[in-house]
Amino acid sequence: MSQHRPHRLSDFVADLSDLLDQTGDEAVILREGGALLAQLVSVDDWLPEAQSRPDPTRYQQYLLHRDPAGRSSVVSFVWGPGQATPVHDHTVWGLVGVLRGAELSQRYEQRGDTLAATGEVHRLEPGEVEAVSPTVGDIHRVANAFDDRVSISIHVYGADIGTVRRATYDAEGRPKPFVSGYAAVPPPLLFDRASALAYGAAE
């Protein structure tokens, strides 16, 4: 088992903060921030166990870092087997990088009064990154690519995303406002075989 290296996250946060100090140009942030995130998720030896734990009922959104000035946030999304989001937007720029497992992303766009899927379902593998924002495409649905194991992705947003008022969309494309908040970080767990079976993580 590799050594746990939590400094990777603090190094990423410092580099991202430097980037945001240097520019407010979204295209530059998505390009250079995406490269930083790809480097972070290329190695799976730094995420704390508490922020990598699934829940059997729904995906979990754990806050890893919140910029003191509110310019960004870093979140781990932990997907239990077969779990998925509703169709939703973000209203700010975002970067998604897969750390563990794989993720399926389907984009949507407004067409008049309706919402329609656009393009093919995109499968993100570990180390891969994609961007979202109102300028490059902001509405999508995301799912764990696996029905029998946990997947984890790291999301970076241009705001404290847990406090942002945004929307989910029903089958007719009607928006429903929501504020996501963050999942509570669970206490240390003695991960016995019964727990592993409950979370779909047993061999």
N, C-alpha and C. Protein backbone atom coordinates (compact mmCIF):
# COMPACT_ATOMS: atom_id res chain seq x y z
N MET A 1 0.85 -1.20 0.00
CA MET A 1 0.00 0.00 0.00
C MET A 1 0.88 1.25 0.00
N SER A 2 0.60 2.23 -0.86
CA SER A 2 1.42 3.41 -0.96
C SER A 2 1.23 4.32 0.25
N GLN A 3 2.23 5.14 0.50
CA GLN A 3 2.19 6.07 1.62
C GLN A 3 1.17 7.16 1.36
N HIS A 4 0.44 7.57 2.42
CA HIS A 4 -0.55 8.64 2.29
C HIS A 4 0.18 9.98 2.18
N ARG A 5 -0.17 10.78 1.19
CA ARG A 5 0.54 12.02 0.92
C ARG A 5 -0.45 13.20 0.85
N PRO A 6 -0.95 13.66 2.00
CA PRO A 6 -1.95 14.73 2.01
C PRO A 6 -1.44 16.06 1.48
N HIS A 7 -0.11 16.22 1.41
CA HIS A 7 0.42 17.48 0.91
C HIS A 7 0.03 17.73 -0.54
N ARG A 8 -0.34 16.70 -1.28
CA ARG A 8 -0.73 16.91 -2.68
C ARG A 8 -1.91 17.87 -2.77
N LEU A 9 -2.88 17.74 -1.86
CA LEU A 9 -4.03 18.64 -1.87
C LEU A 9 -3.61 20.06 -1.51
N SER A 10 -2.81 20.23 -0.48
CA SER A 10 -2.39 21.58 -0.09
C SER A 10 -1.55 22.23 -1.19
N ASP A 11 -0.74 21.45 -1.88
CA ASP A 11 0.04 21.99 -3.00
C ASP A 11 -0.89 22.44 -4.13
N PHE A 12 -1.91 21.63 -4.40
CA PHE A 12 -2.88 22.01 -5.45
C PHE A 12 -3.60 23.29 -5.08
N VAL A 13 -4.06 23.39 -3.83
CA VAL A 13 -4.77 24.59 -3.38
C VAL A 13 -3.89 25.82 -3.50
N ALA A 14 -2.62 25.71 -3.12
CA ALA A 14 -1.70 26.84 -3.23
C ALA A 14 -1.51 27.25 -4.69
N ASP A 15 -1.35 26.27 -5.57
CA ASP A 15 -1.17 26.58 -7.00
C ASP A 15 -2.43 27.19 -7.59
N LEU A 16 -3.59 26.69 -7.20
CA LEU A 16 -4.84 27.25 -7.69
C LEU A 16 -5.02 28.68 -7.19
N SER A 17 -4.69 28.93 -5.94
CA SER A 17 -4.79 30.28 -5.39
C SER A 17 -3.88 31.24 -6.14
N ASP A 18 -2.66 30.79 -6.45
CA ASP A 18 -1.74 31.62 -7.24
C ASP A 18 -2.34 31.94 -8.61
N LEU A 19 -2.95 30.94 -9.23
CA LEU A 19 -3.57 31.16 -10.54
C LEU A 19 -4.69 32.19 -10.46
N LEU A 20 -5.53 32.08 -9.44
CA LEU A 20 -6.64 33.03 -9.29
C LEU A 20 -6.15 34.42 -8.93
N ASP A 21 -4.99 34.51 -8.27
CA ASP A 21 -4.38 35.82 -8.00
C ASP A 21 -3.91 36.48 -9.30
N GLN A 22 -3.51 35.64 -10.26
CA GLN A 22 -2.90 36.16 -11.48
C GLN A 22 -3.93 36.53 -12.54
N THR A 23 -5.07 35.86 -12.55
CA THR A 23 -6.03 36.09 -13.64
C THR A 23 -7.46 35.80 -13.23
N GLY A 24 -8.38 36.54 -13.84
CA GLY A 24 -9.80 36.25 -13.72
C GLY A 24 -10.37 35.76 -15.03
N ASP A 25 -9.51 35.51 -16.01
CA ASP A 25 -9.92 35.04 -17.33
C ASP A 25 -10.35 33.58 -17.22
N GLU A 26 -11.64 33.33 -17.46
CA GLU A 26 -12.16 31.98 -17.28
C GLU A 26 -11.47 30.96 -18.17
N ALA A 27 -11.22 31.33 -19.41
CA ALA A 27 -10.57 30.38 -20.33
C ALA A 27 -9.20 29.96 -19.81
N VAL A 28 -8.46 30.90 -19.26
CA VAL A 28 -7.14 30.59 -18.70
C VAL A 28 -7.29 29.73 -17.46
N ILE A 29 -8.26 30.07 -16.60
CA ILE A 29 -8.48 29.29 -15.38
C ILE A 29 -8.86 27.85 -15.72
N LEU A 30 -9.74 27.67 -16.70
CA LEU A 30 -10.15 26.32 -17.06
C LEU A 30 -8.99 25.53 -17.66
N ARG A 31 -8.20 26.19 -18.48
CA ARG A 31 -7.06 25.49 -19.10
C ARG A 31 -5.97 25.17 -18.08
N GLU A 32 -5.50 26.17 -17.37
CA GLU A 32 -4.38 25.95 -16.45
C GLU A 32 -4.84 25.27 -15.17
N GLY A 33 -6.03 25.62 -14.70
CA GLY A 33 -6.58 24.92 -13.53
C GLY A 33 -6.87 23.47 -13.84
N GLY A 34 -7.31 23.22 -15.08
CA GLY A 34 -7.56 21.84 -15.49
C GLY A 34 -6.28 21.01 -15.49
N ALA A 35 -5.18 21.62 -15.90
CA ALA A 35 -3.90 20.92 -15.88
C ALA A 35 -3.46 20.63 -14.44
N LEU A 36 -3.69 21.58 -13.54
CA LEU A 36 -3.36 21.36 -12.13
C LEU A 36 -4.21 20.23 -11.54
N LEU A 37 -5.50 20.23 -11.88
CA LEU A 37 -6.38 19.18 -11.36
C LEU A 37 -6.00 17.82 -11.93
N ALA A 38 -5.66 17.77 -13.21
CA ALA A 38 -5.24 16.51 -13.82
C ALA A 38 -4.03 15.94 -13.10
N GLN A 39 -3.11 16.81 -12.70
CA GLN A 39 -1.93 16.36 -11.95
C GLN A 39 -2.35 15.81 -10.59
N LEU A 40 -3.30 16.49 -9.92
CA LEU A 40 -3.75 16.05 -8.60
C LEU A 40 -4.39 14.67 -8.66
N VAL A 41 -5.26 14.45 -9.64
CA VAL A 41 -6.01 13.19 -9.69
C VAL A 41 -5.25 12.08 -10.41
N SER A 42 -4.03 12.38 -10.85
CA SER A 42 -3.25 11.33 -11.52
C SER A 42 -2.67 10.33 -10.54
N VAL A 43 -2.67 10.68 -9.25
CA VAL A 43 -2.15 9.80 -8.20
C VAL A 43 -3.18 9.70 -7.10
N ASP A 44 -3.53 8.49 -6.70
CA ASP A 44 -4.57 8.27 -5.70
C ASP A 44 -3.93 7.85 -4.38
N ASP A 45 -3.28 8.82 -3.71
CA ASP A 45 -2.65 8.51 -2.43
C ASP A 45 -2.78 9.64 -1.41
N TRP A 46 -3.75 10.53 -1.61
CA TRP A 46 -3.79 11.73 -0.77
C TRP A 46 -5.16 12.02 -0.14
N LEU A 47 -6.24 11.48 -0.68
CA LEU A 47 -7.57 11.84 -0.19
C LEU A 47 -7.83 11.18 1.17
N PRO A 48 -8.24 11.96 2.19
CA PRO A 48 -8.51 11.36 3.50
C PRO A 48 -9.63 10.33 3.43
N GLU A 49 -9.53 9.30 4.25
CA GLU A 49 -10.54 8.24 4.25
C GLU A 49 -11.94 8.80 4.54
N ALA A 50 -12.02 9.76 5.45
CA ALA A 50 -13.34 10.30 5.83
C ALA A 50 -14.04 10.98 4.67
N GLN A 51 -13.26 11.57 3.74
CA GLN A 51 -13.86 12.25 2.58
C GLN A 51 -13.87 11.37 1.34
N SER A 52 -13.71 10.06 1.55
CA SER A 52 -13.80 9.12 0.44
C SER A 52 -14.82 8.02 0.72
N ARG A 53 -15.63 8.25 1.74
CA ARG A 53 -16.56 7.22 2.18
C ARG A 53 -17.92 7.38 1.49
N PRO A 54 -18.44 6.32 0.89
CA PRO A 54 -19.75 6.39 0.24
C PRO A 54 -20.88 6.27 1.26
N ASP A 55 -22.07 6.55 0.79
CA ASP A 55 -23.29 6.35 1.55
C ASP A 55 -24.20 5.45 0.70
N PRO A 56 -24.88 4.48 1.29
CA PRO A 56 -25.67 3.56 0.47
C PRO A 56 -26.91 4.19 -0.15
N THR A 57 -27.30 5.40 0.30
CA THR A 57 -28.55 5.99 -0.19
C THR A 57 -28.35 7.04 -1.28
N ARG A 58 -27.24 7.77 -1.25
CA ARG A 58 -27.02 8.83 -2.26
C ARG A 58 -25.55 9.19 -2.31
N TYR A 59 -25.16 9.83 -3.41
CA TYR A 59 -23.77 10.28 -3.54
C TYR A 59 -23.47 11.34 -2.48
N GLN A 60 -22.20 11.42 -2.09
CA GLN A 60 -21.77 12.35 -1.06
C GLN A 60 -20.88 13.44 -1.64
N GLN A 61 -21.04 14.65 -1.12
CA GLN A 61 -20.30 15.82 -1.58
C GLN A 61 -19.57 16.40 -0.37
N TYR A 62 -18.27 16.08 -0.23
CA TYR A 62 -17.48 16.49 0.93
C TYR A 62 -16.61 17.70 0.58
N LEU A 63 -16.67 18.72 1.42
CA LEU A 63 -15.83 19.90 1.22
C LEU A 63 -14.40 19.58 1.62
N LEU A 64 -13.45 19.82 0.72
CA LEU A 64 -12.03 19.63 1.00
C LEU A 64 -11.32 20.96 1.26
N HIS A 65 -11.75 22.02 0.56
CA HIS A 65 -11.14 23.34 0.75
C HIS A 65 -12.12 24.40 0.28
N ARG A 66 -12.14 25.51 1.04
CA ARG A 66 -12.95 26.67 0.67
C ARG A 66 -12.03 27.88 0.72
N ASP A 67 -11.90 28.56 -0.39
CA ASP A 67 -11.06 29.75 -0.46
C ASP A 67 -11.60 30.80 0.50
N PRO A 68 -10.75 31.42 1.33
CA PRO A 68 -11.23 32.41 2.30
C PRO A 68 -11.98 33.57 1.67
N ALA A 69 -11.64 33.92 0.43
CA ALA A 69 -12.31 35.01 -0.27
C ALA A 69 -13.51 34.53 -1.08
N GLY A 70 -13.82 33.24 -1.01
CA GLY A 70 -14.97 32.71 -1.73
C GLY A 70 -14.75 32.54 -3.22
N ARG A 71 -13.48 32.58 -3.66
CA ARG A 71 -13.22 32.49 -5.10
C ARG A 71 -13.30 31.07 -5.64
N SER A 72 -13.18 30.08 -4.77
CA SER A 72 -13.16 28.70 -5.23
C SER A 72 -13.50 27.75 -4.09
N SER A 73 -13.80 26.53 -4.45
CA SER A 73 -13.97 25.44 -3.48
C SER A 73 -13.53 24.15 -4.15
N VAL A 74 -13.07 23.22 -3.32
CA VAL A 74 -12.63 21.91 -3.80
C VAL A 74 -13.44 20.86 -3.05
N VAL A 75 -14.01 19.94 -3.78
CA VAL A 75 -14.98 19.00 -3.21
C VAL A 75 -14.67 17.60 -3.72
N SER A 76 -14.81 16.59 -2.85
CA SER A 76 -14.76 15.21 -3.32
C SER A 76 -16.19 14.70 -3.46
N PHE A 77 -16.50 14.16 -4.64
CA PHE A 77 -17.79 13.51 -4.88
C PHE A 77 -17.57 12.01 -4.80
N VAL A 78 -18.29 11.37 -3.91
CA VAL A 78 -18.13 9.93 -3.70
C VAL A 78 -19.41 9.25 -4.14
N TRP A 79 -19.27 8.39 -5.13
CA TRP A 79 -20.42 7.73 -5.74
C TRP A 79 -20.47 6.27 -5.29
N GLY A 80 -21.56 5.89 -4.63
CA GLY A 80 -21.79 4.48 -4.39
C GLY A 80 -22.16 3.79 -5.69
N PRO A 81 -22.21 2.47 -5.71
CA PRO A 81 -22.55 1.74 -6.93
C PRO A 81 -23.86 2.22 -7.54
N GLY A 82 -23.83 2.59 -8.83
CA GLY A 82 -25.03 2.96 -9.56
C GLY A 82 -25.61 4.31 -9.22
N GLN A 83 -25.00 5.09 -8.37
CA GLN A 83 -25.56 6.38 -7.97
C GLN A 83 -25.35 7.44 -9.05
N ALA A 84 -26.27 8.43 -9.10
CA ALA A 84 -26.22 9.46 -10.13
C ALA A 84 -26.86 10.74 -9.61
N THR A 85 -26.51 11.85 -10.22
CA THR A 85 -27.16 13.13 -9.93
C THR A 85 -28.40 13.28 -10.79
N PRO A 86 -29.29 14.20 -10.43
CA PRO A 86 -30.29 14.66 -11.40
C PRO A 86 -29.60 15.56 -12.43
N VAL A 87 -30.29 15.90 -13.48
CA VAL A 87 -29.80 16.92 -14.39
C VAL A 87 -29.72 18.24 -13.61
N HIS A 88 -28.58 18.93 -13.70
CA HIS A 88 -28.39 20.12 -12.89
C HIS A 88 -27.42 21.08 -13.56
N ASP A 89 -27.41 22.33 -13.06
CA ASP A 89 -26.44 23.31 -13.53
C ASP A 89 -25.53 23.73 -12.37
N HIS A 90 -24.63 24.69 -12.64
CA HIS A 90 -23.65 25.13 -11.66
C HIS A 90 -23.63 26.64 -11.48
N THR A 91 -23.85 27.38 -12.56
CA THR A 91 -23.88 28.86 -12.64
C THR A 91 -22.49 29.49 -12.50
N VAL A 92 -21.46 28.72 -12.22
CA VAL A 92 -20.09 29.20 -12.13
C VAL A 92 -19.19 28.21 -12.87
N TRP A 93 -17.94 28.60 -13.11
CA TRP A 93 -17.02 27.66 -13.76
C TRP A 93 -16.71 26.50 -12.82
N GLY A 94 -16.44 25.35 -13.43
CA GLY A 94 -16.10 24.18 -12.65
C GLY A 94 -15.19 23.24 -13.42
N LEU A 95 -14.44 22.45 -12.68
CA LEU A 95 -13.56 21.42 -13.23
C LEU A 95 -13.84 20.12 -12.50
N VAL A 96 -13.91 19.03 -13.24
CA VAL A 96 -14.19 17.71 -12.67
C VAL A 96 -13.09 16.76 -13.09
N GLY A 97 -12.43 16.15 -12.12
CA GLY A 97 -11.38 15.18 -12.41
C GLY A 97 -11.63 13.89 -11.67
N VAL A 98 -11.54 12.78 -12.37
CA VAL A 98 -11.81 11.48 -11.74
C VAL A 98 -10.54 10.97 -11.05
N LEU A 99 -10.71 10.60 -9.79
CA LEU A 99 -9.61 10.08 -8.99
C LEU A 99 -9.63 8.56 -8.92
N ARG A 100 -10.84 7.99 -8.84
CA ARG A 100 -10.98 6.55 -8.58
C ARG A 100 -12.23 6.04 -9.29
N GLY A 101 -12.16 4.90 -9.93
CA GLY A 101 -13.32 4.37 -10.64
C GLY A 101 -13.48 5.05 -11.99
N ALA A 102 -14.71 5.41 -12.33
CA ALA A 102 -15.00 6.12 -13.58
C ALA A 102 -16.37 6.78 -13.45
N GLU A 103 -16.58 7.80 -14.28
CA GLU A 103 -17.77 8.63 -14.19
C GLU A 103 -18.35 8.83 -15.58
N LEU A 104 -19.68 8.85 -15.67
CA LEU A 104 -20.36 9.10 -16.93
C LEU A 104 -21.02 10.47 -16.87
N SER A 105 -20.82 11.29 -17.89
CA SER A 105 -21.36 12.64 -17.92
C SER A 105 -22.14 12.85 -19.21
N GLN A 106 -23.40 13.25 -19.07
CA GLN A 106 -24.24 13.57 -20.23
C GLN A 106 -24.59 15.06 -20.17
N ARG A 107 -24.22 15.79 -21.19
CA ARG A 107 -24.52 17.22 -21.24
C ARG A 107 -25.92 17.46 -21.81
N TYR A 108 -26.49 18.60 -21.40
CA TYR A 108 -27.80 19.04 -21.88
C TYR A 108 -27.70 20.51 -22.27
N GLU A 109 -28.63 20.94 -23.13
CA GLU A 109 -28.71 22.35 -23.49
C GLU A 109 -30.16 22.76 -23.65
N GLN A 110 -30.41 24.04 -23.41
CA GLN A 110 -31.75 24.59 -23.59
C GLN A 110 -32.03 24.76 -25.08
N ARG A 111 -33.18 24.26 -25.50
CA ARG A 111 -33.65 24.44 -26.87
C ARG A 111 -35.06 24.98 -26.79
N GLY A 112 -35.17 26.30 -26.84
CA GLY A 112 -36.47 26.93 -26.63
C GLY A 112 -36.92 26.73 -25.20
N ASP A 113 -38.08 26.14 -25.03
CA ASP A 113 -38.61 25.90 -23.69
C ASP A 113 -38.29 24.51 -23.17
N THR A 114 -37.48 23.76 -23.91
CA THR A 114 -37.18 22.39 -23.51
C THR A 114 -35.68 22.22 -23.25
N LEU A 115 -35.35 21.09 -22.66
CA LEU A 115 -33.97 20.74 -22.38
C LEU A 115 -33.67 19.44 -23.10
N ALA A 116 -32.58 19.38 -23.85
CA ALA A 116 -32.27 18.20 -24.65
C ALA A 116 -30.83 17.76 -24.42
N ALA A 117 -30.63 16.44 -24.40
CA ALA A 117 -29.28 15.90 -24.32
C ALA A 117 -28.51 16.29 -25.57
N THR A 118 -27.24 16.58 -25.40
CA THR A 118 -26.41 16.97 -26.54
C THR A 118 -25.11 16.19 -26.51
N GLY A 119 -24.74 15.62 -27.64
CA GLY A 119 -23.52 14.85 -27.71
C GLY A 119 -23.67 13.48 -27.07
N GLU A 120 -22.58 12.73 -27.12
CA GLU A 120 -22.56 11.40 -26.55
C GLU A 120 -22.26 11.45 -25.05
N VAL A 121 -22.62 10.38 -24.36
CA VAL A 121 -22.22 10.26 -22.96
C VAL A 121 -20.70 10.19 -22.90
N HIS A 122 -20.11 11.02 -22.04
CA HIS A 122 -18.65 11.07 -21.92
C HIS A 122 -18.23 10.28 -20.70
N ARG A 123 -17.36 9.30 -20.91
CA ARG A 123 -16.84 8.50 -19.80
C ARG A 123 -15.49 9.06 -19.39
N LEU A 124 -15.38 9.44 -18.12
CA LEU A 124 -14.14 9.98 -17.57
C LEU A 124 -13.45 8.89 -16.76
N GLU A 125 -12.20 8.64 -17.10
CA GLU A 125 -11.38 7.65 -16.40
C GLU A 125 -10.45 8.37 -15.43
N PRO A 126 -9.80 7.65 -14.50
CA PRO A 126 -8.89 8.28 -13.57
C PRO A 126 -7.84 9.13 -14.26
N GLY A 127 -7.65 10.34 -13.74
CA GLY A 127 -6.70 11.28 -14.31
C GLY A 127 -7.27 12.20 -15.37
N GLU A 128 -8.51 11.93 -15.83
CA GLU A 128 -9.11 12.77 -16.85
C GLU A 128 -9.95 13.87 -16.22
N VAL A 129 -10.03 15.01 -16.93
CA VAL A 129 -10.69 16.21 -16.42
C VAL A 129 -11.60 16.78 -17.49
N GLU A 130 -12.75 17.30 -17.07
CA GLU A 130 -13.59 18.06 -17.98
C GLU A 130 -14.05 19.34 -17.28
N ALA A 131 -14.48 20.33 -18.09
CA ALA A 131 -14.87 21.63 -17.57
C ALA A 131 -16.36 21.87 -17.79
N VAL A 132 -16.94 22.67 -16.88
CA VAL A 132 -18.31 23.15 -17.02
C VAL A 132 -18.32 24.64 -16.70
N SER A 133 -19.26 25.35 -17.30
CA SER A 133 -19.51 26.74 -16.95
C SER A 133 -20.63 27.23 -17.87
N PRO A 134 -21.25 28.37 -17.54
CA PRO A 134 -22.27 28.90 -18.44
C PRO A 134 -21.74 29.23 -19.83
N THR A 135 -20.43 29.41 -19.98
CA THR A 135 -19.88 29.74 -21.29
C THR A 135 -19.48 28.53 -22.11
N VAL A 136 -19.14 27.41 -21.47
CA VAL A 136 -18.69 26.23 -22.22
C VAL A 136 -19.69 25.07 -22.15
N GLY A 137 -20.78 25.25 -21.42
CA GLY A 137 -21.78 24.19 -21.23
C GLY A 137 -21.91 23.90 -19.76
N ASP A 138 -23.09 24.18 -19.20
CA ASP A 138 -23.23 24.19 -17.74
C ASP A 138 -24.21 23.17 -17.20
N ILE A 139 -24.95 22.50 -18.05
CA ILE A 139 -26.00 21.59 -17.57
C ILE A 139 -25.61 20.16 -17.92
N HIS A 140 -25.63 19.29 -16.92
CA HIS A 140 -25.30 17.89 -17.19
C HIS A 140 -25.89 16.98 -16.11
N ARG A 141 -25.79 15.70 -16.38
CA ARG A 141 -26.13 14.67 -15.42
C ARG A 141 -24.91 13.76 -15.30
N VAL A 142 -24.56 13.40 -14.07
CA VAL A 142 -23.35 12.62 -13.82
C VAL A 142 -23.71 11.36 -13.06
N ALA A 143 -23.02 10.26 -13.39
CA ALA A 143 -23.30 8.98 -12.74
C ALA A 143 -22.02 8.19 -12.55
N ASN A 144 -22.03 7.35 -11.53
CA ASN A 144 -20.98 6.35 -11.37
C ASN A 144 -21.06 5.39 -12.56
N ALA A 145 -19.94 5.14 -13.19
CA ALA A 145 -19.92 4.23 -14.34
C ALA A 145 -20.08 2.78 -13.94
N PHE A 146 -19.99 2.49 -12.64
CA PHE A 146 -20.01 1.11 -12.16
C PHE A 146 -21.22 0.85 -11.27
N ASP A 147 -21.77 -0.34 -11.40
CA ASP A 147 -22.87 -0.78 -10.54
C ASP A 147 -22.38 -1.63 -9.37
N ASP A 148 -21.06 -1.86 -9.28
CA ASP A 148 -20.57 -2.79 -8.27
C ASP A 148 -19.39 -2.24 -7.48
N ARG A 149 -19.09 -0.95 -7.63
CA ARG A 149 -17.96 -0.39 -6.89
C ARG A 149 -18.12 1.12 -6.74
N VAL A 150 -17.33 1.68 -5.85
CA VAL A 150 -17.33 3.12 -5.59
C VAL A 150 -16.47 3.84 -6.63
N SER A 151 -16.90 5.04 -7.02
CA SER A 151 -16.08 5.94 -7.82
C SER A 151 -15.97 7.27 -7.08
N ILE A 152 -14.86 7.97 -7.29
CA ILE A 152 -14.63 9.26 -6.64
C ILE A 152 -14.09 10.24 -7.66
N SER A 153 -14.68 11.43 -7.69
CA SER A 153 -14.16 12.51 -8.52
C SER A 153 -13.93 13.75 -7.66
N ILE A 154 -12.97 14.57 -8.08
CA ILE A 154 -12.64 15.81 -7.39
C ILE A 154 -13.14 16.97 -8.24
N HIS A 155 -13.95 17.83 -7.62
CA HIS A 155 -14.56 18.95 -8.32
C HIS A 155 -14.00 20.26 -7.77
N VAL A 156 -13.71 21.18 -8.66
CA VAL A 156 -13.23 22.50 -8.30
C VAL A 156 -14.17 23.52 -8.92
N TYR A 157 -14.63 24.48 -8.14
CA TYR A 157 -15.61 25.46 -8.62
C TYR A 157 -15.13 26.88 -8.36
N GLY A 158 -15.65 27.80 -9.15
CA GLY A 158 -15.31 29.21 -9.00
C GLY A 158 -16.17 29.93 -8.00
N ALA A 159 -16.53 29.26 -6.93
CA ALA A 159 -17.33 29.83 -5.84
C ALA A 159 -17.39 28.79 -4.73
N ASP A 160 -17.95 29.16 -3.59
CA ASP A 160 -18.23 28.20 -2.53
C ASP A 160 -19.50 27.46 -2.95
N ILE A 161 -19.32 26.38 -3.71
CA ILE A 161 -20.44 25.77 -4.43
C ILE A 161 -21.55 25.29 -3.52
N GLY A 162 -21.23 24.94 -2.29
CA GLY A 162 -22.27 24.47 -1.38
C GLY A 162 -23.25 25.53 -0.98
N THR A 163 -22.94 26.81 -1.25
CA THR A 163 -23.82 27.92 -0.90
C THR A 163 -24.48 28.57 -2.12
N VAL A 164 -24.14 28.09 -3.31
CA VAL A 164 -24.63 28.71 -4.55
C VAL A 164 -26.06 28.24 -4.86
N ARG A 165 -26.93 29.18 -5.14
CA ARG A 165 -28.30 28.85 -5.55
C ARG A 165 -28.29 28.51 -7.03
N ARG A 166 -28.62 27.26 -7.35
CA ARG A 166 -28.63 26.80 -8.74
C ARG A 166 -29.87 25.96 -8.97
N ALA A 167 -29.87 25.04 -9.94
CA ALA A 167 -31.12 24.37 -10.27
C ALA A 167 -30.89 22.94 -10.74
N THR A 168 -31.85 22.08 -10.41
CA THR A 168 -32.01 20.79 -11.07
C THR A 168 -33.12 20.96 -12.10
N TYR A 169 -33.24 19.98 -13.02
CA TYR A 169 -34.21 20.07 -14.10
C TYR A 169 -34.98 18.76 -14.20
N ASP A 170 -36.30 18.87 -14.39
CA ASP A 170 -37.11 17.67 -14.54
C ASP A 170 -37.10 17.21 -15.99
N ALA A 171 -37.88 16.17 -16.30
CA ALA A 171 -37.86 15.58 -17.63
C ALA A 171 -38.32 16.56 -18.71
N GLU A 172 -39.11 17.56 -18.33
CA GLU A 172 -39.58 18.57 -19.28
C GLU A 172 -38.66 19.78 -19.33
N GLY A 173 -37.58 19.74 -18.57
CA GLY A 173 -36.63 20.85 -18.58
C GLY A 173 -36.99 21.99 -17.66
N ARG A 174 -37.93 21.77 -16.76
CA ARG A 174 -38.31 22.82 -15.83
C ARG A 174 -37.33 22.87 -14.66
N PRO A 175 -36.81 24.08 -14.34
CA PRO A 175 -35.82 24.18 -13.26
C PRO A 175 -36.47 24.16 -11.88
N LYS A 176 -35.74 23.59 -10.93
CA LYS A 176 -36.13 23.61 -9.53
C LYS A 176 -34.93 24.10 -8.73
N PRO A 177 -35.02 25.29 -8.10
CA PRO A 177 -33.87 25.84 -7.39
C PRO A 177 -33.43 24.94 -6.24
N PHE A 178 -32.13 24.90 -5.99
CA PHE A 178 -31.60 24.18 -4.84
C PHE A 178 -30.26 24.77 -4.44
N VAL A 179 -29.87 24.51 -3.21
CA VAL A 179 -28.53 24.81 -2.69
C VAL A 179 -28.01 23.51 -2.12
N SER A 180 -26.87 23.06 -2.61
CA SER A 180 -26.44 21.68 -2.32
C SER A 180 -25.95 21.48 -0.89
N GLY A 181 -25.27 22.50 -0.31
CA GLY A 181 -24.60 22.27 0.95
C GLY A 181 -23.50 21.23 0.79
N TYR A 182 -23.04 20.68 1.92
CA TYR A 182 -22.00 19.66 1.91
C TYR A 182 -22.37 18.52 2.85
N ALA A 183 -21.91 17.34 2.54
CA ALA A 183 -22.13 16.20 3.42
C ALA A 183 -21.27 16.36 4.67
N ALA A 184 -21.81 15.93 5.81
CA ALA A 184 -21.04 15.94 7.04
C ALA A 184 -19.93 14.90 6.95
N VAL A 185 -18.75 15.27 7.41
CA VAL A 185 -17.63 14.32 7.39
C VAL A 185 -17.88 13.27 8.47
N PRO A 186 -17.95 12.00 8.11
CA PRO A 186 -18.27 10.96 9.09
C PRO A 186 -17.11 10.69 10.04
N PRO A 187 -17.40 10.16 11.21
CA PRO A 187 -16.34 9.81 12.15
C PRO A 187 -15.56 8.61 11.64
N PRO A 188 -14.41 8.33 12.25
CA PRO A 188 -13.62 7.16 11.84
C PRO A 188 -14.47 5.89 11.89
N LEU A 189 -14.24 5.02 10.92
CA LEU A 189 -15.06 3.81 10.78
C LEU A 189 -14.17 2.58 10.83
N LEU A 190 -14.58 1.61 11.64
CA LEU A 190 -13.95 0.29 11.58
C LEU A 190 -14.63 -0.44 10.44
N PHE A 191 -13.93 -0.53 9.32
CA PHE A 191 -14.57 -0.97 8.08
C PHE A 191 -14.51 -2.50 8.01
N ASP A 192 -15.45 -3.15 8.68
CA ASP A 192 -15.48 -4.61 8.68
C ASP A 192 -16.15 -5.13 7.42
N ARG A 193 -16.21 -6.44 7.28
CA ARG A 193 -16.76 -7.00 6.05
C ARG A 193 -18.23 -6.67 5.88
N ALA A 194 -19.00 -6.61 6.98
CA ALA A 194 -20.41 -6.26 6.87
C ALA A 194 -20.58 -4.85 6.32
N SER A 195 -19.75 -3.92 6.79
CA SER A 195 -19.80 -2.56 6.26
C SER A 195 -19.40 -2.53 4.80
N ALA A 196 -18.38 -3.31 4.45
CA ALA A 196 -17.92 -3.33 3.07
C ALA A 196 -19.02 -3.82 2.14
N LEU A 197 -19.74 -4.83 2.57
CA LEU A 197 -20.84 -5.33 1.74
C LEU A 197 -21.92 -4.28 1.58
N ALA A 198 -22.20 -3.54 2.65
CA ALA A 198 -23.23 -2.51 2.59
C ALA A 198 -22.86 -1.41 1.62
N TYR A 199 -21.55 -1.10 1.51
CA TYR A 199 -21.11 -0.04 0.63
C TYR A 199 -20.69 -0.56 -0.74
N GLY A 200 -20.84 -1.84 -0.99
CA GLY A 200 -20.48 -2.38 -2.29
C GLY A 200 -18.99 -2.41 -2.54
N ALA A 201 -18.21 -2.45 -1.46
CA ALA A 201 -16.75 -2.38 -1.61
C ALA A 201 -16.06 -3.70 -1.34
N ALA A 202 -16.80 -4.73 -1.02
CA ALA A 202 -16.18 -6.02 -0.72
C ALA A 202 -15.65 -6.65 -2.00
N GLU A 203 -14.60 -7.44 -1.86
CA GLU A 203 -14.05 -8.13 -3.02
C GLU A 203 -14.99 -9.23 -3.48
